Amino acid sequence: MSTNLHPMLNVAIKAARAAGAIINRAALDVESVRISQKQINDFVTEVDHASEKVIIETLLTAYPGHGILAEESGSQHGAKDSEFVWIIDPLDGTTNFIHGFPVYCVSIALSVRGKIEQAVIYDPSRNDLFTSTKGRGAYLNERRIRVSKRTQLKECLVSTGFPFRPGDNFKNYLAMMGDVMQRTAGLRRPGAAALDLAYVAAGYTDGFFETGLSIWDVAAGSLLVAEAGGLIGNFTGEADFLDQKECLAGTPRVYGQLVQILGKYSKFASAGDKAALRQSAEDPGAGAAPDETASGEADTAPGPLGDAPF
């Protein structure tokens, strides 16, 4: 642990690495890991529980007066009325882990009076450690990171997550993806939202969007993106998004362009935008396809489109 880091961040790093060691050991024989299902397509393993347990023990040993909000155990542990709350996803990307697909991570954030002030995202399969303290920048393995310098959407790589739960609006998501895919260099779905946000912070991708995410999926990543010079909020560009199950992140110029494209799909969109979206869904010919020569700048983004062209 570094003596130059904030002491609370050092403890979070210790917790993340301890959890990562459990995950890496289990990954050597993933076929023997016990799996249960929280709901359709939403899995939890004994590794999630063991990882969460060691994280909570590490944090509360150092800070017994702090609160805990964890994906598997909720608020069962820690103080109930503390201004300091650790927000934990012990294994983001559980489905990937179950299949041996090496895209998953540990995510730990500290909220102080409702604001994220410390963040750790640890990718145990690559030994990549993303860290941030509010006001001190974002780092990958102790190297300062910044969001990418790309400004034109047509040159950008954007990541997302697919809907997978019963009741998710698949048709709406296909339309969103179609709108974005036509205007970018590529769309990716790695399968671990916390790591997706860390990759935006590191400049590996230029933007990210997803619905249905919980606070433990996005808390740590939100600080990394902001401290790396990016913007993060909901689809309409509002910054207070952590509990809204709607996340959009990107470089400043790219973020603005994505808000113009995705804002109409937000549950917070204006009544007019929602009506236009419904109309274009009912009449696919109502929306015009984007000009192939468009620069991708914000002022060239077309209006609402119909269903995705695939």
Protein backbone atom coordinates (compact mmCIF):
# COMPACT_ATOMS: atom_id res chain seq x y z
CA MET A 1 0.00 0.00 0.00
CA SER A 2 1.21 3.49 -0.76
CA THR A 3 1.83 6.00 2.02
CA ASN A 4 0.88 8.82 -0.38
CA LEU A 5 -2.70 7.68 -0.78
CA HIS A 6 -5.62 8.70 1.40
CA PRO A 7 -5.76 6.21 4.31
CA MET A 8 -9.36 5.23 3.50
CA LEU A 9 -8.36 4.52 -0.10
CA ASN A 10 -5.49 2.35 1.13
CA VAL A 11 -7.92 0.26 3.18
CA ALA A 12 -10.25 -0.08 0.19
CA ILE A 13 -7.31 -1.26 -1.96
CA LYS A 14 -6.42 -3.85 0.68
CA ALA A 15 -10.03 -5.07 0.67
CA ALA A 16 -10.22 -5.19 -3.14
CA ARG A 17 -6.99 -7.16 -3.45
CA ALA A 18 -8.12 -9.65 -0.79
CA ALA A 19 -11.36 -10.17 -2.73
CA GLY A 20 -9.42 -10.45 -5.98
CA ALA A 21 -7.29 -13.24 -4.51
CA ILE A 22 -10.46 -15.20 -3.69
CA ILE A 23 -11.81 -14.63 -7.20
CA ASN A 24 -8.56 -15.66 -8.89
CA ARG A 25 -8.34 -18.87 -6.86
CA ALA A 26 -11.91 -19.78 -7.76
CA ALA A 27 -11.28 -18.95 -11.43
CA LEU A 28 -8.74 -21.79 -11.59
CA ASP A 29 -11.60 -24.27 -11.19
CA VAL A 30 -14.69 -22.32 -12.12
CA GLU A 31 -16.63 -25.50 -12.95
CA SER A 32 -16.75 -26.40 -9.26
CA VAL A 33 -18.13 -23.03 -8.10
CA ARG A 34 -21.62 -23.25 -6.60
CA ILE A 35 -24.10 -21.03 -8.41
CA SER A 36 -27.60 -19.90 -7.49
CA GLN A 37 -30.06 -17.68 -9.32
CA LYS A 38 -31.49 -14.47 -7.79
CA GLN A 39 -33.88 -14.09 -10.71
CA ILE A 40 -33.92 -15.10 -14.37
CA ASN A 41 -30.46 -14.46 -15.89
CA ASP A 42 -29.23 -12.88 -12.62
CA PHE A 43 -26.74 -15.19 -10.92
CA VAL A 44 -24.84 -15.19 -7.65
CA THR A 45 -22.03 -17.55 -6.67
CA GLU A 46 -20.31 -18.57 -3.47
CA VAL A 47 -17.43 -16.44 -4.77
CA ASP A 48 -19.62 -13.30 -4.71
CA HIS A 49 -20.45 -14.04 -1.07
CA ALA A 50 -16.86 -14.85 -0.04
CA SER A 51 -15.54 -11.75 -1.81
CA GLU A 52 -18.15 -9.54 -0.15
CA LYS A 53 -17.42 -11.03 3.26
CA VAL A 54 -13.68 -10.30 3.14
CA ILE A 55 -14.29 -6.77 1.82
CA ILE A 56 -16.73 -5.96 4.62
CA GLU A 57 -14.45 -7.47 7.27
CA THR A 58 -11.46 -5.47 6.02
CA LEU A 59 -13.38 -2.18 5.88
CA LEU A 60 -15.13 -2.55 9.25
CA THR A 61 -11.95 -3.66 11.00
CA ALA A 62 -10.41 -0.33 10.01
CA TYR A 63 -13.58 1.76 10.28
CA PRO A 64 -16.14 0.07 12.59
CA GLY A 65 -18.31 3.21 12.67
CA HIS A 66 -18.88 3.26 8.92
CA GLY A 67 -21.96 2.02 7.08
CA ILE A 68 -22.10 -0.67 4.40
CA LEU A 69 -24.25 -0.97 1.27
CA ALA A 70 -23.33 -4.19 -0.55
CA GLU A 71 -24.92 -5.98 -3.48
CA GLU A 72 -25.52 -9.31 -1.77
CA SER A 73 -26.09 -8.36 1.90
CA GLY A 74 -27.48 -4.86 1.50
CA SER A 75 -27.18 -2.82 4.71
CA GLN A 76 -27.04 -5.75 7.14
CA HIS A 77 -23.52 -4.87 8.26
CA GLY A 78 -21.93 -1.70 9.60
CA ALA A 79 -23.40 1.35 11.28
CA LYS A 80 -26.94 2.31 10.26
CA ASP A 81 -26.66 6.09 10.70
CA SER A 82 -23.11 6.90 9.56
CA GLU A 83 -22.31 9.70 7.11
CA PHE A 84 -19.62 7.35 5.74
CA VAL A 85 -21.04 4.48 3.66
CA TRP A 86 -19.02 1.94 1.69
CA ILE A 87 -20.79 0.88 -1.53
CA ILE A 88 -19.64 -2.57 -2.65
CA ASP A 89 -20.02 -4.82 -5.67
CA PRO A 90 -17.93 -7.87 -4.73
CA LEU A 91 -17.94 -9.36 -8.24
CA ASP A 92 -19.29 -7.24 -11.07
CA GLY A 93 -19.63 -9.46 -14.13
CA THR A 94 -20.70 -12.65 -12.36
CA THR A 95 -22.11 -14.19 -15.54
CA ASN A 96 -18.77 -13.62 -17.30
CA PHE A 97 -16.96 -15.20 -14.34
CA ILE A 98 -19.20 -18.29 -14.38
CA HIS A 99 -18.31 -18.87 -18.02
CA GLY A 100 -14.59 -18.21 -17.57
CA PHE A 101 -14.88 -15.06 -19.68
CA PRO A 102 -12.21 -12.83 -18.08
CA VAL A 103 -14.10 -9.53 -17.81
CA TYR A 104 -15.14 -8.95 -14.20
CA CYS A 105 -14.02 -6.83 -11.29
CA VAL A 106 -14.38 -5.76 -7.68
CA SER A 107 -15.90 -2.31 -7.11
CA ILE A 108 -15.65 -0.37 -3.83
CA ALA A 109 -16.65 3.26 -3.27
CA LEU A 110 -16.93 5.44 -0.19
CA SER A 111 -19.84 7.86 0.01
CA VAL A 112 -19.44 10.74 2.46
CA ARG A 113 -22.68 12.63 3.12
CA GLY A 114 -24.04 11.35 -0.18
CA LYS A 115 -21.00 12.21 -2.33
CA ILE A 116 -18.50 9.65 -3.65
CA GLU A 117 -15.04 10.51 -2.29
CA GLN A 118 -12.99 7.29 -2.67
CA ALA A 119 -13.09 4.68 -5.42
CA VAL A 120 -11.38 1.39 -6.23
CA ILE A 121 -12.09 -0.89 -9.18
CA TYR A 122 -9.89 -3.96 -9.30
CA ASP A 123 -9.67 -6.34 -12.26
CA PRO A 124 -8.10 -9.47 -10.74
CA SER A 125 -7.59 -11.36 -14.00
CA ARG A 126 -5.33 -8.56 -15.34
CA ASN A 127 -4.15 -7.24 -11.96
CA ASP A 128 -5.37 -3.78 -13.01
CA LEU A 129 -6.07 -1.44 -10.10
CA PHE A 130 -8.09 1.72 -10.83
CA THR A 131 -8.16 4.20 -7.93
CA SER A 132 -9.35 7.70 -7.21
CA THR A 133 -9.73 10.15 -4.36
CA LYS A 134 -12.00 13.14 -4.93
CA GLY A 135 -9.91 16.11 -6.06
CA ARG A 136 -6.74 14.07 -6.59
CA GLY A 137 -7.24 12.57 -10.05
CA ALA A 138 -7.72 9.02 -11.30
CA TYR A 139 -5.05 6.34 -11.57
CA LEU A 140 -4.44 2.93 -13.12
CA ASN A 141 -1.67 1.01 -11.36
CA GLU A 142 -0.38 4.32 -9.91
CA ARG A 143 -0.22 5.95 -13.37
CA ARG A 144 -2.41 9.02 -13.91
CA ILE A 145 -5.20 8.41 -16.43
CA ARG A 146 -7.36 10.77 -18.49
CA VAL A 147 -10.35 10.30 -20.74
CA SER A 148 -9.64 10.16 -24.46
CA LYS A 149 -9.23 13.29 -26.57
CA ARG A 150 -11.64 12.24 -29.28
CA THR A 151 -14.38 14.72 -30.08
CA GLN A 152 -16.14 13.30 -33.15
CA LEU A 153 -18.64 10.57 -32.40
CA LYS A 154 -17.93 8.80 -35.71
CA GLU A 155 -14.40 8.03 -34.41
CA CYS A 156 -15.52 6.81 -30.99
CA LEU A 157 -15.74 3.39 -29.38
CA VAL A 158 -18.74 3.22 -27.03
CA SER A 159 -19.58 0.47 -24.54
CA THR A 160 -22.99 -0.53 -23.25
CA GLY A 161 -24.88 -3.31 -21.50
CA PHE A 162 -27.71 -5.39 -22.94
CA PRO A 163 -31.03 -5.86 -21.14
CA PHE A 164 -31.31 -9.37 -19.71
CA ARG A 165 -34.12 -9.34 -17.13
CA PRO A 166 -37.79 -10.17 -17.76
CA GLY A 167 -39.68 -6.92 -18.16
CA ASP A 168 -36.74 -5.04 -19.69
CA ASN A 169 -37.73 -2.97 -22.71
CA PHE A 170 -35.80 -4.88 -25.38
CA LYS A 171 -37.35 -3.01 -28.30
CA ASN A 172 -36.41 0.34 -26.79
CA TYR A 173 -32.85 -0.85 -26.19
CA LEU A 174 -32.49 -2.07 -29.77
CA ALA A 175 -33.60 1.35 -30.98
CA MET A 176 -31.04 3.02 -28.69
CA MET A 177 -28.30 0.74 -29.92
CA GLY A 178 -29.29 1.38 -33.52
CA ASP A 179 -29.14 5.14 -32.97
CA VAL A 180 -25.66 4.90 -31.45
CA MET A 181 -24.22 2.23 -33.78
CA GLN A 182 -24.94 4.30 -36.89
CA ARG A 183 -22.95 7.23 -35.55
CA THR A 184 -19.90 5.60 -33.94
CA ALA A 185 -16.82 3.56 -34.85
CA GLY A 186 -18.12 0.67 -32.79
CA LEU A 187 -20.32 -0.51 -29.94
CA ARG A 188 -19.06 -3.00 -27.34
CA ARG A 189 -20.77 -5.02 -24.58
CA PRO A 190 -18.06 -6.34 -22.21
CA GLY A 191 -20.49 -7.29 -19.41
CA ALA A 192 -19.17 -5.51 -16.31
CA ALA A 193 -20.44 -1.95 -15.95
CA ALA A 194 -17.92 -0.92 -13.27
CA LEU A 195 -15.06 -1.94 -15.56
CA ASP A 196 -16.77 -0.19 -18.49
CA LEU A 197 -16.64 3.07 -16.53
CA ALA A 198 -13.02 2.50 -15.56
CA TYR A 199 -12.23 2.04 -19.25
CA VAL A 200 -13.88 5.35 -20.10
CA ALA A 201 -11.72 6.98 -17.41
CA ALA A 202 -8.59 5.36 -18.88
CA GLY A 203 -9.44 6.45 -22.43
CA TYR A 204 -9.85 2.87 -23.72
CA THR A 205 -13.41 3.72 -24.72
CA ASP A 206 -14.91 7.13 -25.35
CA GLY A 207 -18.38 6.66 -23.89
CA PHE A 208 -20.72 4.29 -22.06
CA PHE A 209 -24.47 3.99 -21.56
CA GLU A 210 -26.74 1.51 -19.82
CA THR A 211 -30.07 1.29 -18.02
CA GLY A 212 -31.08 -0.85 -15.05
CA LEU A 213 -27.83 -0.41 -13.11
CA SER A 214 -27.71 -0.28 -9.32
CA ILE A 215 -25.67 2.15 -7.25
CA TRP A 216 -22.97 -0.46 -6.52
CA ASP A 217 -22.44 -0.89 -10.28
CA VAL A 218 -21.67 2.79 -10.89
CA ALA A 219 -20.54 4.45 -7.63
CA ALA A 220 -16.78 3.84 -7.91
CA GLY A 221 -16.74 4.29 -11.68
CA SER A 222 -18.51 7.63 -11.43
CA LEU A 223 -15.63 9.13 -9.43
CA LEU A 224 -13.00 7.63 -11.75
CA VAL A 225 -14.67 9.16 -14.81
CA ALA A 226 -15.08 12.58 -13.20
CA GLU A 227 -11.52 12.67 -11.85
CA ALA A 228 -10.19 11.61 -15.27
CA GLY A 229 -11.84 14.64 -16.87
CA GLY A 230 -15.02 13.00 -18.14
CA LEU A 231 -18.70 13.62 -17.52
CA ILE A 232 -21.24 11.20 -16.08
CA GLY A 233 -24.97 11.42 -15.42
CA ASN A 234 -28.29 10.14 -16.70
CA PHE A 235 -29.41 10.14 -20.35
CA THR A 236 -30.65 13.73 -20.15
CA GLY A 237 -27.33 14.95 -18.75
CA GLU A 238 -28.38 15.38 -15.12
CA ALA A 239 -25.46 14.67 -12.77
CA ASP A 240 -27.48 13.30 -9.83
CA PHE A 241 -27.95 9.81 -11.28
CA LEU A 242 -26.61 7.20 -8.84
CA ASP A 243 -30.02 5.84 -7.80
CA GLN A 244 -31.78 6.43 -11.13
CA LYS A 245 -30.85 3.15 -12.88
CA GLU A 246 -29.73 5.12 -15.92
CA CYS A 247 -26.08 5.91 -16.64
CA LEU A 248 -24.28 7.80 -19.40
CA ALA A 249 -20.57 8.65 -19.35
CA GLY A 250 -18.00 9.97 -21.77
CA THR A 251 -15.46 12.56 -22.70
CA PRO A 252 -16.99 16.06 -22.40
CA ARG A 253 -17.65 16.53 -26.13
CA VAL A 254 -18.80 12.94 -26.66
CA TYR A 255 -21.05 13.06 -23.60
CA GLY A 256 -22.91 16.05 -25.02
CA GLN A 257 -23.46 14.29 -28.33
CA LEU A 258 -24.69 11.11 -26.62
CA VAL A 259 -27.15 13.14 -24.52
CA GLN A 260 -28.63 14.49 -27.78
CA ILE A 261 -29.04 10.94 -29.10
CA LEU A 262 -30.12 9.13 -25.93
CA GLY A 263 -31.99 11.86 -24.05
CA LYS A 264 -35.29 10.97 -25.70
CA TYR A 265 -35.01 7.42 -24.33
CA SER A 266 -34.64 8.63 -20.73
CA LYS A 267 -37.42 8.06 -18.23
CA PHE A 268 -36.83 11.73 -17.42
CA ALA A 269 -37.32 12.88 -21.03
CA SER A 270 -39.84 15.61 -21.76
CA ALA A 271 -43.39 14.65 -22.70
CA GLY A 272 -42.72 15.90 -26.23
CA ASP A 273 -39.65 13.70 -26.63
CA LYS A 274 -41.52 10.66 -25.32
CA ALA A 275 -44.42 11.30 -27.72
CA ALA A 276 -42.03 11.65 -30.67
CA LEU A 277 -40.30 8.41 -29.68
CA ARG A 278 -43.63 6.57 -29.50
CA GLN A 279 -44.61 7.93 -32.89
CA SER A 280 -41.34 6.87 -34.53
CA ALA A 281 -41.71 3.39 -32.98
CA GLU A 282 -45.21 3.08 -34.48
CA ASP A 283 -44.06 4.47 -37.85
CA PRO A 284 -40.47 3.34 -38.58
CA GLY A 285 -40.41 5.47 -41.72
CA ALA A 286 -40.94 8.64 -39.72
CA GLY A 287 -37.27 8.97 -38.77
CA ALA A 288 -34.62 9.83 -41.31
CA ALA A 289 -31.40 7.83 -41.49
CA PRO A 290 -28.34 9.88 -40.55
CA ASP A 291 -26.23 11.39 -43.32
CA GLU A 292 -23.28 9.07 -43.87
CA THR A 293 -21.00 12.08 -44.22
CA ALA A 294 -22.07 13.63 -40.92
CA SER A 295 -19.12 14.68 -38.79
CA GLY A 296 -20.63 13.26 -35.61
CA GLU A 297 -20.56 16.67 -33.91
CA ALA A 298 -23.46 17.48 -31.61
CA ASP A 299 -25.14 19.85 -34.05
CA THR A 300 -25.36 17.14 -36.72
CA ALA A 301 -27.18 14.58 -34.58
CA PRO A 302 -30.52 13.80 -36.30
CA GLY A 303 -33.85 13.70 -34.58
CA PRO A 304 -35.64 10.56 -33.36
CA LEU A 305 -35.25 7.49 -35.52
CA GLY A 306 -37.35 4.42 -36.01
CA ASP A 307 -36.44 0.90 -34.97
CA ALA A 308 -32.84 -0.23 -35.23
CA PRO A 309 -31.82 -1.29 -38.77
CA PHE A 310 -30.95 -4.91 -38.03
